[in-house]
Full PDB file with SEQRES, HELIX, SHEET, SSBOND, CRYST1, ORIGX, SCALE, CONECT and MASTER records, all heavy atoms in Angstrom:
SEQRES   1 A   38  ALA ILE VAL VAL ASN VAL GLN GLY HIS SER TYR ALA LEU          
SEQRES   2 A   38  ARG VAL ASP SER ILE GLU ASP ILE THR THR GLY SER SER          
SEQRES   3 A   38  GLU PRO ASP GLN ILE LEU GLY GLY PHE GLY PRO GLU              
SHEET    1 AA1 2 ILE A   2  VAL A   6  0                                        
SHEET    2 AA1 2 HIS A   9  LEU A  13 -1                                        
CRYST1    1.000    1.000    1.000  90.00  90.00  90.00 P 1           1          
ORIGX1      1.000000  0.000000  0.000000        0.00000                         
ORIGX2      0.000000  1.000000  0.000000        0.00000                         
ORIGX3      0.000000  0.000000  1.000000        0.00000                         
SCALE1      1.000000  0.000000  0.000000        0.00000                         
SCALE2      0.000000  1.000000  0.000000        0.00000                         
SCALE3      0.000000  0.000000  1.000000        0.00000                         
ATOM      1  N   ALA A   1       1.629   5.378  12.999  1.00  0.00           N  
ATOM      2  CA  ALA A   1       0.926   5.050  11.758  1.00  0.00           C  
ATOM      3  C   ALA A   1       1.852   5.240  10.584  1.00  0.00           C  
ATOM      4  O   ALA A   1       2.783   6.027  10.636  1.00  0.00           O  
ATOM      5  CB  ALA A   1      -0.335   5.925  11.618  1.00  0.00           C  
ATOM      6  N   ILE A   2       1.564   4.503   9.528  1.00  0.00           N  
ATOM      7  CA  ILE A   2       2.334   4.614   8.248  1.00  0.00           C  
ATOM      8  C   ILE A   2       1.611   5.603   7.372  1.00  0.00           C  
ATOM      9  O   ILE A   2       0.403   5.380   7.071  1.00  0.00           O  
ATOM     10  CB  ILE A   2       2.430   3.230   7.573  1.00  0.00           C  
ATOM     11  CG1 ILE A   2       3.153   2.254   8.507  1.00  0.00           C  
ATOM     12  CG2 ILE A   2       3.138   3.357   6.244  1.00  0.00           C  
ATOM     13  CD1 ILE A   2       3.050   0.776   8.078  1.00  0.00           C  
ATOM     14  N   VAL A   3       2.260   6.665   6.926  1.00  0.00           N  
ATOM     15  CA  VAL A   3       1.644   7.679   6.097  1.00  0.00           C  
ATOM     16  C   VAL A   3       1.918   7.353   4.664  1.00  0.00           C  
ATOM     17  O   VAL A   3       3.104   7.209   4.263  1.00  0.00           O  
ATOM     18  CB  VAL A   3       2.118   9.109   6.473  1.00  0.00           C  
ATOM     19  CG1 VAL A   3       1.516  10.139   5.544  1.00  0.00           C  
ATOM     20  CG2 VAL A   3       1.798   9.412   7.934  1.00  0.00           C  
ATOM     21  N   VAL A   4       0.818   7.291   3.855  1.00  0.00           N  
ATOM     22  CA  VAL A   4       0.948   6.999   2.430  1.00  0.00           C  
ATOM     23  C   VAL A   4       0.107   7.988   1.662  1.00  0.00           C  
ATOM     24  O   VAL A   4      -0.812   8.641   2.225  1.00  0.00           O  
ATOM     25  CB  VAL A   4       0.518   5.547   2.081  1.00  0.00           C  
ATOM     26  CG1 VAL A   4       1.421   4.531   2.807  1.00  0.00           C  
ATOM     27  CG2 VAL A   4      -0.937   5.299   2.435  1.00  0.00           C  
ATOM     28  N   ASN A   5       0.358   8.084   0.380  1.00  0.00           N  
ATOM     29  CA  ASN A   5      -0.430   8.910  -0.531  1.00  0.00           C  
ATOM     30  C   ASN A   5      -0.886   8.019  -1.627  1.00  0.00           C  
ATOM     31  O   ASN A   5      -0.094   7.365  -2.304  1.00  0.00           O  
ATOM     32  CB  ASN A   5       0.460  10.037  -1.071  1.00  0.00           C  
ATOM     33  CG  ASN A   5      -0.385  11.077  -1.835  1.00  0.00           C  
ATOM     34  OD1 ASN A   5      -0.972  10.765  -2.850  1.00  0.00           O  
ATOM     35  ND2 ASN A   5      -0.495  12.283  -1.279  1.00  0.00           N  
ATOM     36  N   VAL A   6      -2.207   7.924  -1.804  1.00  0.00           N  
ATOM     37  CA  VAL A   6      -2.824   7.094  -2.854  1.00  0.00           C  
ATOM     38  C   VAL A   6      -3.768   7.957  -3.647  1.00  0.00           C  
ATOM     39  O   VAL A   6      -4.681   8.570  -3.081  1.00  0.00           O  
ATOM     40  CB  VAL A   6      -3.548   5.868  -2.268  1.00  0.00           C  
ATOM     41  CG1 VAL A   6      -4.233   5.070  -3.353  1.00  0.00           C  
ATOM     42  CG2 VAL A   6      -2.598   4.998  -1.474  1.00  0.00           C  
ATOM     43  N   GLN A   7      -3.494   8.104  -4.938  1.00  0.00           N  
ATOM     44  CA  GLN A   7      -4.294   8.840  -5.885  1.00  0.00           C  
ATOM     45  C   GLN A   7      -4.548  10.277  -5.371  1.00  0.00           C  
ATOM     46  O   GLN A   7      -5.676  10.765  -5.421  1.00  0.00           O  
ATOM     47  CB  GLN A   7      -5.613   8.120  -6.159  1.00  0.00           C  
ATOM     48  CG  GLN A   7      -5.420   6.746  -6.804  1.00  0.00           C  
ATOM     49  CD  GLN A   7      -6.703   6.001  -7.021  1.00  0.00           C  
ATOM     50  OE1 GLN A   7      -7.763   6.424  -6.682  1.00  0.00           O  
ATOM     51  NE2 GLN A   7      -6.548   4.803  -7.582  1.00  0.00           N  
ATOM     52  N   GLY A   8      -3.489  10.899  -4.854  1.00  0.00           N  
ATOM     53  CA  GLY A   8      -3.595  12.295  -4.428  1.00  0.00           C  
ATOM     54  C   GLY A   8      -4.181  12.518  -3.066  1.00  0.00           C  
ATOM     55  O   GLY A   8      -4.306  13.669  -2.642  1.00  0.00           O  
ATOM     56  N   HIS A   9      -4.526  11.467  -2.353  1.00  0.00           N  
ATOM     57  CA  HIS A   9      -5.079  11.623  -0.966  1.00  0.00           C  
ATOM     58  C   HIS A   9      -4.104  11.000   0.024  1.00  0.00           C  
ATOM     59  O   HIS A   9      -3.501   9.963  -0.224  1.00  0.00           O  
ATOM     60  CB  HIS A   9      -6.421  10.902  -0.863  1.00  0.00           C  
ATOM     61  CG  HIS A   9      -7.447  11.463  -1.814  1.00  0.00           C  
ATOM     62  ND1 HIS A   9      -8.101  12.671  -1.615  1.00  0.00           N  
ATOM     63  CD2 HIS A   9      -7.854  11.008  -2.990  1.00  0.00           C  
ATOM     64  CE1 HIS A   9      -8.919  12.888  -2.616  1.00  0.00           C  
ATOM     65  NE2 HIS A   9      -8.812  11.885  -3.510  1.00  0.00           N  
ATOM     66  N   SER A  10      -3.987  11.640   1.179  1.00  0.00           N  
ATOM     67  CA  SER A  10      -3.064  11.184   2.206  1.00  0.00           C  
ATOM     68  C   SER A  10      -3.784  10.390   3.301  1.00  0.00           C  
ATOM     69  O   SER A  10      -4.900  10.788   3.745  1.00  0.00           O  
ATOM     70  CB  SER A  10      -2.344  12.388   2.868  1.00  0.00           C  
ATOM     71  OG  SER A  10      -1.573  13.058   1.911  1.00  0.00           O  
ATOM     72  N   TYR A  11      -3.160   9.285   3.680  1.00  0.00           N  
ATOM     73  CA  TYR A  11      -3.747   8.395   4.664  1.00  0.00           C  
ATOM     74  C   TYR A  11      -2.722   8.021   5.765  1.00  0.00           C  
ATOM     75  O   TYR A  11      -1.528   7.916   5.467  1.00  0.00           O  
ATOM     76  CB  TYR A  11      -4.194   7.084   4.005  1.00  0.00           C  
ATOM     77  CG  TYR A  11      -5.209   7.238   2.939  1.00  0.00           C  
ATOM     78  CD1 TYR A  11      -4.845   7.462   1.616  1.00  0.00           C  
ATOM     79  CD2 TYR A  11      -6.596   7.275   3.238  1.00  0.00           C  
ATOM     80  CE1 TYR A  11      -5.790   7.658   0.617  1.00  0.00           C  
ATOM     81  CE2 TYR A  11      -7.524   7.472   2.255  1.00  0.00           C  
ATOM     82  CZ  TYR A  11      -7.123   7.672   0.924  1.00  0.00           C  
ATOM     83  OH  TYR A  11      -8.056   7.847  -0.026  1.00  0.00           O  
ATOM     84  N   ALA A  12      -3.244   7.839   6.956  1.00  0.00           N  
ATOM     85  CA  ALA A  12      -2.394   7.299   8.070  1.00  0.00           C  
ATOM     86  C   ALA A  12      -2.939   5.890   8.327  1.00  0.00           C  
ATOM     87  O   ALA A  12      -4.123   5.708   8.682  1.00  0.00           O  
ATOM     88  CB  ALA A  12      -2.539   8.157   9.308  1.00  0.00           C  
ATOM     89  N   LEU A  13      -2.111   4.898   8.072  1.00  0.00           N  
ATOM     90  CA  LEU A  13      -2.533   3.510   8.223  1.00  0.00           C  
ATOM     91  C   LEU A  13      -2.204   2.981   9.620  1.00  0.00           C  
ATOM     92  O   LEU A  13      -0.997   2.966  10.014  1.00  0.00           O  
ATOM     93  CB  LEU A  13      -1.811   2.619   7.178  1.00  0.00           C  
ATOM     94  CG  LEU A  13      -1.980   3.045   5.712  1.00  0.00           C  
ATOM     95  CD1 LEU A  13      -1.188   2.093   4.821  1.00  0.00           C  
ATOM     96  CD2 LEU A  13      -3.439   3.045   5.338  1.00  0.00           C  
ATOM     97  N   ARG A  14      -3.193   2.626  10.396  1.00  0.00           N  
ATOM     98  CA  ARG A  14      -3.014   2.049  11.708  1.00  0.00           C  
ATOM     99  C   ARG A  14      -2.820   0.591  11.571  1.00  0.00           C  
ATOM    100  O   ARG A  14      -3.626  -0.121  10.951  1.00  0.00           O  
ATOM    101  CB  ARG A  14      -4.212   2.335  12.614  1.00  0.00           C  
ATOM    102  CG  ARG A  14      -4.635   3.774  12.813  1.00  0.00           C  
ATOM    103  CD  ARG A  14      -3.707   4.602  13.660  1.00  0.00           C  
ATOM    104  NE  ARG A  14      -3.217   4.052  14.946  1.00  0.00           N  
ATOM    105  CZ  ARG A  14      -3.800   4.251  16.085  1.00  0.00           C  
ATOM    106  NH1 ARG A  14      -4.914   4.943  16.217  1.00  0.00           N  
ATOM    107  NH2 ARG A  14      -3.275   3.743  17.189  1.00  0.00           N  
ATOM    108  N   VAL A  15      -1.736   0.052  12.155  1.00  0.00           N  
ATOM    109  CA  VAL A  15      -1.395  -1.371  12.114  1.00  0.00           C  
ATOM    110  C   VAL A  15      -1.109  -1.904  13.472  1.00  0.00           C  
ATOM    111  O   VAL A  15      -1.002  -1.135  14.431  1.00  0.00           O  
ATOM    112  CB  VAL A  15      -0.204  -1.606  11.121  1.00  0.00           C  
ATOM    113  CG1 VAL A  15      -0.517  -1.146   9.737  1.00  0.00           C  
ATOM    114  CG2 VAL A  15       1.051  -0.842  11.655  1.00  0.00           C  
ATOM    115  N   ASP A  16      -0.966  -3.216  13.587  1.00  0.00           N  
ATOM    116  CA  ASP A  16      -0.620  -3.825  14.901  1.00  0.00           C  
ATOM    117  C   ASP A  16       0.741  -3.298  15.377  1.00  0.00           C  
ATOM    118  O   ASP A  16       0.907  -2.939  16.514  1.00  0.00           O  
ATOM    119  CB  ASP A  16      -0.541  -5.342  14.794  1.00  0.00           C  
ATOM    120  CG  ASP A  16      -1.775  -6.008  14.282  1.00  0.00           C  
ATOM    121  OD1 ASP A  16      -2.819  -5.349  14.034  1.00  0.00           O  
ATOM    122  OD2 ASP A  16      -1.742  -7.259  14.095  1.00  0.00           O  
ATOM    123  N   SER A  17       1.703  -3.347  14.437  1.00  0.00           N  
ATOM    124  CA  SER A  17       3.037  -2.890  14.791  1.00  0.00           C  
ATOM    125  C   SER A  17       3.825  -2.567  13.490  1.00  0.00           C  
ATOM    126  O   SER A  17       3.503  -3.087  12.433  1.00  0.00           O  
ATOM    127  CB  SER A  17       3.849  -3.918  15.573  1.00  0.00           C  
ATOM    128  OG  SER A  17       4.021  -5.092  14.808  1.00  0.00           O  
ATOM    129  N   ILE A  18       4.743  -1.649  13.655  1.00  0.00           N  
ATOM    130  CA  ILE A  18       5.644  -1.319  12.549  1.00  0.00           C  
ATOM    131  C   ILE A  18       7.015  -1.894  12.952  1.00  0.00           C  
ATOM    132  O   ILE A  18       7.508  -1.579  14.023  1.00  0.00           O  
ATOM    133  CB  ILE A  18       5.737   0.195  12.347  1.00  0.00           C  
ATOM    134  CG1 ILE A  18       4.340   0.734  12.022  1.00  0.00           C  
ATOM    135  CG2 ILE A  18       6.758   0.541  11.231  1.00  0.00           C  
ATOM    136  CD1 ILE A  18       4.205   2.258  12.071  1.00  0.00           C  
ATOM    137  N   GLU A  19       7.510  -2.792  12.100  1.00  0.00           N  
ATOM    138  CA  GLU A  19       8.739  -3.543  12.493  1.00  0.00           C  
ATOM    139  C   GLU A  19      10.035  -2.981  12.101  1.00  0.00           C  
ATOM    140  O   GLU A  19      10.908  -2.723  12.895  1.00  0.00           O  
ATOM    141  CB  GLU A  19       8.571  -4.997  11.952  1.00  0.00           C  
ATOM    142  CG  GLU A  19       7.419  -5.739  12.544  1.00  0.00           C  
ATOM    143  CD  GLU A  19       7.296  -7.122  11.996  1.00  0.00           C  
ATOM    144  OE1 GLU A  19       7.990  -7.472  10.994  1.00  0.00           O  
ATOM    145  OE2 GLU A  19       6.460  -7.895  12.493  1.00  0.00           O  
ATOM    146  N   ASP A  20      10.209  -2.775  10.792  1.00  0.00           N  
ATOM    147  CA  ASP A  20      11.562  -2.494  10.283  1.00  0.00           C  
ATOM    148  C   ASP A  20      11.486  -2.051   8.802  1.00  0.00           C  
ATOM    149  O   ASP A  20      10.418  -2.123   8.206  1.00  0.00           O  
ATOM    150  CB  ASP A  20      12.405  -3.755  10.362  1.00  0.00           C  
ATOM    151  CG  ASP A  20      13.893  -3.486  10.370  1.00  0.00           C  
ATOM    152  OD1 ASP A  20      14.294  -2.320  10.295  1.00  0.00           O  
ATOM    153  OD2 ASP A  20      14.655  -4.428  10.422  1.00  0.00           O  
ATOM    154  N   ILE A  21      12.644  -1.655   8.307  1.00  0.00           N  
ATOM    155  CA  ILE A  21      12.787  -1.428   6.875  1.00  0.00           C  
ATOM    156  C   ILE A  21      13.818  -2.471   6.424  1.00  0.00           C  
ATOM    157  O   ILE A  21      14.849  -2.622   7.089  1.00  0.00           O  
ATOM    158  CB  ILE A  21      13.281  -0.009   6.558  1.00  0.00           C  
ATOM    159  CG1 ILE A  21      12.209   0.988   6.940  1.00  0.00           C  
ATOM    160  CG2 ILE A  21      13.633   0.108   5.062  1.00  0.00           C  
ATOM    161  CD1 ILE A  21      12.650   2.440   6.770  1.00  0.00           C  
ATOM    162  N   THR A  22      13.514  -3.176   5.363  1.00  0.00           N  
ATOM    163  CA  THR A  22      14.395  -4.220   4.906  1.00  0.00           C  
ATOM    164  C   THR A  22      14.318  -4.313   3.354  1.00  0.00           C  
ATOM    165  O   THR A  22      13.573  -3.560   2.756  1.00  0.00           O  
ATOM    166  CB  THR A  22      14.038  -5.593   5.529  1.00  0.00           C  
ATOM    167  OG1 THR A  22      15.055  -6.553   5.209  1.00  0.00           O  
ATOM    168  CG2 THR A  22      12.703  -6.106   5.069  1.00  0.00           C  
ATOM    169  N   THR A  23      15.041  -5.213   2.782  1.00  0.00           N  
ATOM    170  CA  THR A  23      14.955  -5.410   1.333  1.00  0.00           C  
ATOM    171  C   THR A  23      14.377  -6.819   1.079  1.00  0.00           C  
ATOM    172  O   THR A  23      14.551  -7.714   1.905  1.00  0.00           O  
ATOM    173  CB  THR A  23      16.363  -5.359   0.641  1.00  0.00           C  
ATOM    174  OG1 THR A  23      17.235  -6.275   1.301  1.00  0.00           O  
ATOM    175  CG2 THR A  23      16.926  -3.942   0.731  1.00  0.00           C  
ATOM    176  N   GLY A  24      13.682  -6.902  -0.033  1.00  0.00           N  
ATOM    177  CA  GLY A  24      13.194  -8.217  -0.437  1.00  0.00           C  
ATOM    178  C   GLY A  24      14.327  -9.000  -1.028  1.00  0.00           C  
ATOM    179  O   GLY A  24      15.225  -8.489  -1.671  1.00  0.00           O  
ATOM    180  N   SER A  25      14.318 -10.303  -0.724  1.00  0.00           N  
ATOM    181  CA  SER A  25      15.375 -11.168  -1.280  1.00  0.00           C  
ATOM    182  C   SER A  25      14.870 -12.042  -2.416  1.00  0.00           C  
ATOM    183  O   SER A  25      15.574 -12.932  -2.842  1.00  0.00           O  
ATOM    184  CB  SER A  25      15.995 -12.027  -0.156  1.00  0.00           C  
ATOM    185  OG  SER A  25      14.977 -12.793   0.440  1.00  0.00           O  
ATOM    186  N   SER A  26      13.646 -11.765  -2.901  1.00  0.00           N  
ATOM    187  CA  SER A  26      13.093 -12.527  -4.016  1.00  0.00           C  
ATOM    188  C   SER A  26      12.042 -11.636  -4.679  1.00  0.00           C  
ATOM    189  O   SER A  26      11.580 -10.637  -4.160  1.00  0.00           O  
ATOM    190  CB  SER A  26      12.417 -13.802  -3.480  1.00  0.00           C  
ATOM    191  OG  SER A  26      11.239 -13.528  -2.770  1.00  0.00           O  
ATOM    192  N   GLU A  27      11.599 -12.083  -5.885  1.00  0.00           N  
ATOM    193  CA  GLU A  27      10.482 -11.488  -6.525  1.00  0.00           C  
ATOM    194  C   GLU A  27       9.221 -11.982  -5.829  1.00  0.00           C  
ATOM    195  O   GLU A  27       9.223 -13.088  -5.284  1.00  0.00           O  
ATOM    196  CB  GLU A  27      10.462 -11.861  -8.006  1.00  0.00           C  
ATOM    197  CG  GLU A  27      11.580 -11.266  -8.820  1.00  0.00           C  
ATOM    198  CD  GLU A  27      11.543  -9.704  -8.851  1.00  0.00           C  
ATOM    199  OE1 GLU A  27      10.426  -9.137  -8.998  1.00  0.00           O  
ATOM    200  OE2 GLU A  27      12.599  -9.103  -8.692  1.00  0.00           O  
ATOM    201  N   PRO A  28       8.136 -11.194  -5.828  1.00  0.00           N  
ATOM    202  CA  PRO A  28       6.893 -11.705  -5.184  1.00  0.00           C  
ATOM    203  C   PRO A  28       6.407 -12.982  -5.888  1.00  0.00           C  
ATOM    204  O   PRO A  28       6.393 -13.075  -7.097  1.00  0.00           O  
ATOM    205  CB  PRO A  28       5.893 -10.561  -5.425  1.00  0.00           C  
ATOM    206  CG  PRO A  28       6.771  -9.349  -5.693  1.00  0.00           C  
ATOM    207  CD  PRO A  28       7.999  -9.854  -6.361  1.00  0.00           C  
ATOM    208  N   ASP A  29       6.049 -13.977  -5.073  1.00  0.00           N  
ATOM    209  CA  ASP A  29       5.518 -15.236  -5.570  1.00  0.00           C  
ATOM    210  C   ASP A  29       3.989 -15.208  -5.422  1.00  0.00           C  
ATOM    211  O   ASP A  29       3.469 -14.476  -4.593  1.00  0.00           O  
ATOM    212  CB  ASP A  29       6.054 -16.416  -4.764  1.00  0.00           C  
ATOM    213  CG  ASP A  29       7.492 -16.761  -5.116  1.00  0.00           C  
ATOM    214  OD1 ASP A  29       7.945 -16.469  -6.245  1.00  0.00           O  
ATOM    215  OD2 ASP A  29       8.187 -17.290  -4.222  1.00  0.00           O  
ATOM    216  N   GLN A  30       3.365 -16.069  -6.158  1.00  0.00           N  
ATOM    217  CA  GLN A  30       1.953 -16.234  -6.053  1.00  0.00           C  
ATOM    218  C   GLN A  30       1.592 -16.712  -4.607  1.00  0.00           C  
ATOM    219  O   GLN A  30       2.349 -17.464  -4.014  1.00  0.00           O  
ATOM    220  CB  GLN A  30       1.478 -17.306  -7.019  1.00  0.00           C  
ATOM    221  CG  GLN A  30      -0.005 -17.512  -7.051  1.00  0.00           C  
ATOM    222  CD  GLN A  30      -0.403 -18.550  -8.092  1.00  0.00           C  
ATOM    223  OE1 GLN A  30       0.414 -19.113  -8.780  1.00  0.00           O  
ATOM    224  NE2 GLN A  30      -1.724 -18.767  -8.220  1.00  0.00           N  
ATOM    225  N   ILE A  31       0.477 -16.249  -4.152  1.00  0.00           N  
ATOM    226  CA  ILE A  31      -0.003 -16.655  -2.821  1.00  0.00           C  
ATOM    227  C   ILE A  31      -0.770 -17.945  -2.950  1.00  0.00           C  
ATOM    228  O   ILE A  31      -1.748 -18.043  -3.706  1.00  0.00           O  
ATOM    229  CB  ILE A  31      -0.898 -15.559  -2.171  1.00  0.00           C  
ATOM    230  CG1 ILE A  31      -0.124 -14.273  -2.033  1.00  0.00           C  
ATOM    231  CG2 ILE A  31      -1.430 -15.995  -0.814  1.00  0.00           C  
ATOM    232  CD1 ILE A  31      -0.970 -13.099  -1.678  1.00  0.00           C  
ATOM    233  N   LEU A  32      -0.303 -18.944  -2.284  1.00  0.00           N  
ATOM    234  CA  LEU A  32      -0.907 -20.272  -2.407  1.00  0.00           C  
ATOM    235  C   LEU A  32      -1.921 -20.497  -1.314  1.00  0.00           C  
ATOM    236  O   LEU A  32      -1.634 -21.046  -0.281  1.00  0.00           O  
ATOM    237  CB  LEU A  32       0.155 -21.347  -2.378  1.00  0.00           C  
ATOM    238  CG  LEU A  32       1.242 -21.262  -3.432  1.00  0.00           C  
ATOM    239  CD1 LEU A  32       2.343 -22.285  -3.242  1.00  0.00           C  
ATOM    240  CD2 LEU A  32       0.617 -21.412  -4.823  1.00  0.00           C  
ATOM    241  N   GLY A  33      -3.151 -20.047  -1.509  1.00  0.00           N  
ATOM    242  CA  GLY A  33      -4.292 -20.313  -0.608  1.00  0.00           C  
ATOM    243  C   GLY A  33      -4.002 -20.268   0.844  1.00  0.00           C  
ATOM    244  O   GLY A  33      -2.913 -20.043   1.302  1.00  0.00           O  
ATOM    245  N   GLY A  34      -5.066 -20.493   1.592  1.00  0.00           N  
ATOM    246  CA  GLY A  34      -4.899 -20.569   3.033  1.00  0.00           C  
ATOM    247  C   GLY A  34      -4.970 -19.254   3.770  1.00  0.00           C  
ATOM    248  O   GLY A  34      -5.072 -19.226   5.031  1.00  0.00           O  
ATOM    249  N   PHE A  35      -4.924 -18.160   3.073  1.00  0.00           N  
ATOM    250  CA  PHE A  35      -4.949 -16.825   3.760  1.00  0.00           C  
ATOM    251  C   PHE A  35      -6.344 -16.235   3.801  1.00  0.00           C  
ATOM    252  O   PHE A  35      -6.641 -15.382   4.604  1.00  0.00           O  
ATOM    253  CB  PHE A  35      -3.983 -15.826   3.065  1.00  0.00           C  
ATOM    254  CG  PHE A  35      -2.543 -16.175   3.327  1.00  0.00           C  
ATOM    255  CD1 PHE A  35      -1.797 -16.823   2.382  1.00  0.00           C  
ATOM    256  CD2 PHE A  35      -1.946 -15.820   4.516  1.00  0.00           C  
ATOM    257  CE1 PHE A  35      -0.484 -17.116   2.625  1.00  0.00           C  
ATOM    258  CE2 PHE A  35      -0.627 -16.122   4.774  1.00  0.00           C  
ATOM    259  CZ  PHE A  35       0.104 -16.779   3.795  1.00  0.00           C  
ATOM    260  N   GLY A  36      -7.228 -16.663   2.890  1.00  0.00           N  
ATOM    261  CA  GLY A  36      -8.593 -16.173   2.895  1.00  0.00           C  
ATOM    262  C   GLY A  36      -8.796 -15.017   1.933  1.00  0.00           C  
ATOM    263  O   GLY A  36      -7.821 -14.384   1.459  1.00  0.00           O  
ATOM    264  N   PRO A  37     -10.043 -14.738   1.601  1.00  0.00           N  
ATOM    265  CA  PRO A  37     -10.358 -13.726   0.604  1.00  0.00           C  
ATOM    266  C   PRO A  37      -9.930 -12.317   1.044  1.00  0.00           C  
ATOM    267  O   PRO A  37      -9.639 -11.462   0.192  1.00  0.00           O  
ATOM    268  CB  PRO A  37     -11.856 -13.811   0.440  1.00  0.00           C  
ATOM    269  CG  PRO A  37     -12.368 -14.481   1.684  1.00  0.00           C  
ATOM    270  CD  PRO A  37     -11.244 -15.373   2.152  1.00  0.00           C  
ATOM    271  N   GLU A  38      -9.865 -12.083   2.337  1.00  0.00           N  
ATOM    272  CA  GLU A  38      -9.448 -10.757   2.843  1.00  0.00           C  
ATOM    273  C   GLU A  38      -8.040 -10.411   2.313  1.00  0.00           C  
ATOM    274  O   GLU A  38      -7.796  -9.320   1.836  1.00  0.00           O  
ATOM    275  CB  GLU A  38      -9.479 -10.663   4.348  1.00  0.00           C  
ATOM    276  CG  GLU A  38     -10.773 -11.055   4.997  1.00  0.00           C  
ATOM    277  CD  GLU A  38     -10.888 -12.526   5.272  1.00  0.00           C  
ATOM    278  OE1 GLU A  38      -9.989 -13.323   4.959  1.00  0.00           O  
ATOM    279  OE2 GLU A  38     -11.926 -12.921   5.865  1.00  0.00           O  
TER     280      GLU A  38                                                      
MASTER        0    0    0    0    2    0    0    6  279    1    0    3          
END                                                                             
């Protein structure tokens, strides 16, 4: 699990898989539909 702290509380995030640590090669772009409200 990925351990994070949000607003003073600690959480263990269960995910399908933890892949790697990498760097972003761009600034975040707007999400262009198709992913759903979730």
